[in-house]
């Protein structure tokens, strides 16, 4: 792949009015990386003993449909660039917008760490049968080096390759789920296990929510197509609803199917035995041994694409914030040959490597500790950001409905905001169970999230007082940090 290919996965330079609902939905579902979300995120949830994962997907999907109502209404009044900063600052002001942006940055960074641990685990599992018995952290650091190399040269998976991989991911997981149904399930037959309220609202729900919420990260990306969509007033809301429904139904169906395959009484034990082989073994049992190689390849490409996307996103944040003096100005250095923010990429990669090496030195389990800890932190971080967005929507439409119904811009964001806040507190209460640790580091995660938000507010207020010109440029800074390139 050459240097002049698409510089951010899934992105295109599109003319106005050139994108329809189907294209937007396709992009968002591809960016959600179905294989990584299902095969990577749900085994830990099952291992913690809550079999209500499919029902939790439906519950969270309904919650995000409520969230989407106000979100897509506000999208008409917000720049397509700027990310969460734009939505929060529009309704709550720039200081809270900076708080949301800082939370988004640390959330993306934390997710990176967890996904690097994941890719190390799955690479080790895939190559051990070939006699290559290297530790997980070796593969994680090797992939980190590959991501850095690609990021320095603006080389990523092209949109076409991502689309092909996504279709293959959906196809193989759908064939597995349909195969389970057609075969009548496993030893316990086909049941409603995993979908019943008693399964969902059982001990460990807070743990399950972390993994389920993480699978939806990115659905809000539909709003970035506002300037390119044909009839955006209709296309963006429809695409957002369609993306949430597709993600919800598909993830719920596949996770329900794996319960039917193993049986509700054995699912937790099976997930605990080997999280990396939990789905791979089930898929091979239904589709045959050929599928093992296919799943391993698709899983690794899916995880790599996710990592490259997060890497490039954080590079842009670091570059824009360094250029405008919010972070070290050296981060704004651009490579003389290819124009990439190479210093930002190197600094980010050094930080990731330091965290991964630190975990490896203390002998931390890559799945039960590294992935669980970082996903827990990222999960409550993204929930906090979405609560701020919901409050911002309410504030923005407080005095004027701007042509929208009260249900869409008042009731829906109020319900979603309260539900997201409840999820934040429920997850926070279950952090020791999720991480398997009573460590003060873990229990301090919610406090850290609050402190990061407060720091963002204080920094913005300090800038407003000492550098009004920079304060006035904040909208542009964050817009460029999250804009398509």
Foldseek 3Di string as FASTA:
>chain_A
DDLPFFLAALDDDFDAAPDFLVSLLLSQLLLLLVLCLQLPQCLLLLLLPQLLLLQLLVVVLVLVLLLLLLLLVCLVVFALFQPLLRLLCLQPNNLLSLLLVLLLLLLLLLQLLLLLLVLLQLVQVVCVVVVDRDHSLVSSLVLLVVLLVCLLSSHADYNVNSSVLSVVSLVLLVLLLVLCVVVQFAPVGQDCGNNDPCSCPDPSVLLSNLSSVSSNPRLSNLSSCCRHHNVSSPSSSVSSSVSSVVSSVSSSSSSSSLCRHQPSVCSNVLSVVDSSCSVLVSSCVRPNPVVNVVSSVSNSSSSSSNSSNSLNLQLLLQLLCLCLVVDPVLQVDADPPNRRSSVSSVVSSVVSSVVSVVCVVVVHNSRLASNLQSSLLSSLSVLVSSLSSLVSLCSNPVPPVPPDDCSSRPVSSVVSNVVSVVSSVSNLVCQCSSNVDPDPVRNCSVVVSVVSSVVSSVSLVVCVVPPVVSNVCVSVSSSSSGHRD
